[in-house]
Amino acid sequence: MPSASSNSTFQVARPLSPCIQICDIEPTSSLCRGCGRTLDEIACWGSMTEAEKAPVWERLEQAGYVDA
C-alpha cells in the first residue's frame, strides 16, 4: 500500500468560480457582496489562468468569502 510522503503537496479542489449567485457590488469597496471579487476579476475570471486566480482565491479565503 503506497503511503503519502512528507514532501507531497496536496491541493484542495476548488469550484470553477467563487460565484454564489448573490451578485451585488458594494459601492464603497467595489467588491461583490456575494463572492468578494472586483468587477475586473469577475469580468476576466473565465480567461484567467490558475496562477492568476490563485491570489484572488487566497484573498477570498482570508476575507471569509470561501472556505479554505
C-alpha atoms as a PDB file:
ATOM      1  CA  MET A   1       0.000   0.000   0.000  1.00  0.00           C
ATOM      2  CA  PRO A   2       1.582   3.304  -1.044  1.00  0.00           C
ATOM      3  CA  SER A   3       1.972   5.965   1.600  1.00  0.00           C
ATOM      4  CA  ALA A   4       1.994   9.715   1.197  1.00  0.00           C
ATOM      5  CA  SER A   5       5.447  11.146   1.578  1.00  0.00           C
ATOM      6  CA  SER A   6       6.090  14.201   3.695  1.00  0.00           C
ATOM      7  CA  ASN A   7       7.148  16.027   0.514  1.00  0.00           C
ATOM      8  CA  SER A   8       3.753  15.551  -1.161  1.00  0.00           C
ATOM      9  CA  THR A   9       1.807  18.670  -1.945  1.00  0.00           C
ATOM     10  CA  PHE A  10      -1.934  18.303  -1.582  1.00  0.00           C
ATOM     11  CA  GLN A  11      -4.178  20.839  -3.229  1.00  0.00           C
ATOM     12  CA  VAL A  12      -7.790  21.271  -2.229  1.00  0.00           C
ATOM     13  CA  ALA A  13     -10.154  21.134  -5.177  1.00  0.00           C
ATOM     14  CA  ARG A  14     -11.848  24.466  -5.662  1.00  0.00           C
ATOM     15  CA  PRO A  15     -15.058  25.167  -7.561  1.00  0.00           C
ATOM     16  CA  LEU A  16     -14.724  26.661 -11.033  1.00  0.00           C
ATOM     17  CA  SER A  17     -15.794  30.039  -9.669  1.00  0.00           C
ATOM     18  CA  PRO A  18     -16.339  31.625  -6.259  1.00  0.00           C
ATOM     19  CA  CYS A  19     -19.686  32.995  -7.504  1.00  0.00           C
ATOM     20  CA  ILE A  20     -22.606  32.123  -5.194  1.00  0.00           C
ATOM     21  CA  GLN A  21     -25.290  33.816  -7.313  1.00  0.00           C
ATOM     22  CA  ILE A  22     -25.589  36.809  -4.972  1.00  0.00           C
ATOM     23  CA  CYS A  23     -24.376  39.494  -7.345  1.00  0.00           C
ATOM     24  CA  ASP A  24     -24.352  42.910  -5.691  1.00  0.00           C
ATOM     25  CA  ILE A  25     -21.409  45.301  -5.882  1.00  0.00           C
ATOM     26  CA  GLU A  26     -20.751  47.198  -2.641  1.00  0.00           C
ATOM     27  CA  PRO A  27     -20.200  50.833  -3.702  1.00  0.00           C
ATOM     28  CA  THR A  28     -17.550  51.796  -1.147  1.00  0.00           C
ATOM     29  CA  SER A  29     -15.316  48.731  -1.600  1.00  0.00           C
ATOM     30  CA  SER A  30     -16.238  47.881  -5.223  1.00  0.00           C
ATOM     31  CA  LEU A  31     -16.423  44.215  -4.180  1.00  0.00           C
ATOM     32  CA  CYS A  32     -19.255  41.819  -4.853  1.00  0.00           C
ATOM     33  CA  ARG A  33     -21.113  41.156  -1.592  1.00  0.00           C
ATOM     34  CA  GLY A  34     -21.640  37.534  -2.637  1.00  0.00           C
ATOM     35  CA  CYS A  35     -18.213  36.379  -3.777  1.00  0.00           C
ATOM     36  CA  GLY A  36     -15.844  39.193  -2.794  1.00  0.00           C
ATOM     37  CA  ARG A  37     -14.364  39.741  -6.247  1.00  0.00           C
ATOM     38  CA  THR A  38     -13.914  43.055  -8.018  1.00  0.00           C
ATOM     39  CA  LEU A  39     -15.751  43.776 -11.265  1.00  0.00           C
ATOM     40  CA  ASP A  40     -12.478  43.295 -13.176  1.00  0.00           C
ATOM     41  CA  GLU A  41     -11.908  39.914 -11.521  1.00  0.00           C
ATOM     42  CA  ILE A  42     -15.468  38.845 -12.331  1.00  0.00           C
ATOM     43  CA  ALA A  43     -15.175  40.023 -15.951  1.00  0.00           C
ATOM     44  CA  CYS A  44     -11.802  38.327 -16.538  1.00  0.00           C
ATOM     45  CA  TRP A  45     -12.354  35.155 -14.475  1.00  0.00           C
ATOM     46  CA  GLY A  46     -13.109  32.894 -17.452  1.00  0.00           C
ATOM     47  CA  SER A  47      -9.880  33.804 -19.234  1.00  0.00           C
ATOM     48  CA  MET A  48      -7.611  33.884 -16.168  1.00  0.00           C
ATOM     49  CA  THR A  49      -5.035  31.140 -15.655  1.00  0.00           C
ATOM     50  CA  GLU A  50      -4.976  29.125 -12.442  1.00  0.00           C
ATOM     51  CA  ALA A  51      -1.832  31.058 -11.473  1.00  0.00           C
ATOM     52  CA  GLU A  52      -3.707  34.349 -11.923  1.00  0.00           C
ATOM     53  CA  LYS A  53      -6.684  33.056  -9.938  1.00  0.00           C
ATOM     54  CA  ALA A  54      -4.576  31.763  -7.027  1.00  0.00           C
ATOM     55  CA  PRO A  55      -4.004  35.127  -5.270  1.00  0.00           C
ATOM     56  CA  VAL A  56      -7.679  36.006  -5.734  1.00  0.00           C
ATOM     57  CA  TRP A  57      -8.715  32.696  -4.137  1.00  0.00           C
ATOM     58  CA  GLU A  58      -6.275  33.334  -1.264  1.00  0.00           C
ATOM     59  CA  ARG A  59      -7.688  36.824  -0.657  1.00  0.00           C
ATOM     60  CA  LEU A  60     -11.256  35.491  -0.752  1.00  0.00           C
ATOM     61  CA  GLU A  61     -10.369  32.721   1.701  1.00  0.00           C
ATOM     62  CA  GLN A  62      -8.638  35.157   4.072  1.00  0.00           C
ATOM     63  CA  ALA A  63     -11.622  37.523   3.905  1.00  0.00           C
ATOM     64  CA  GLY A  64     -14.050  34.688   4.670  1.00  0.00           C
ATOM     65  CA  TYR A  65     -15.878  34.622   1.348  1.00  0.00           C
ATOM     66  CA  VAL A  66     -14.984  30.969   0.681  1.00  0.00           C
ATOM     67  CA  ASP A  67     -13.896  28.080   2.875  1.00  0.00           C
ATOM     68  CA  ALA A  68     -10.188  27.355   2.850  1.00  0.00           C
END
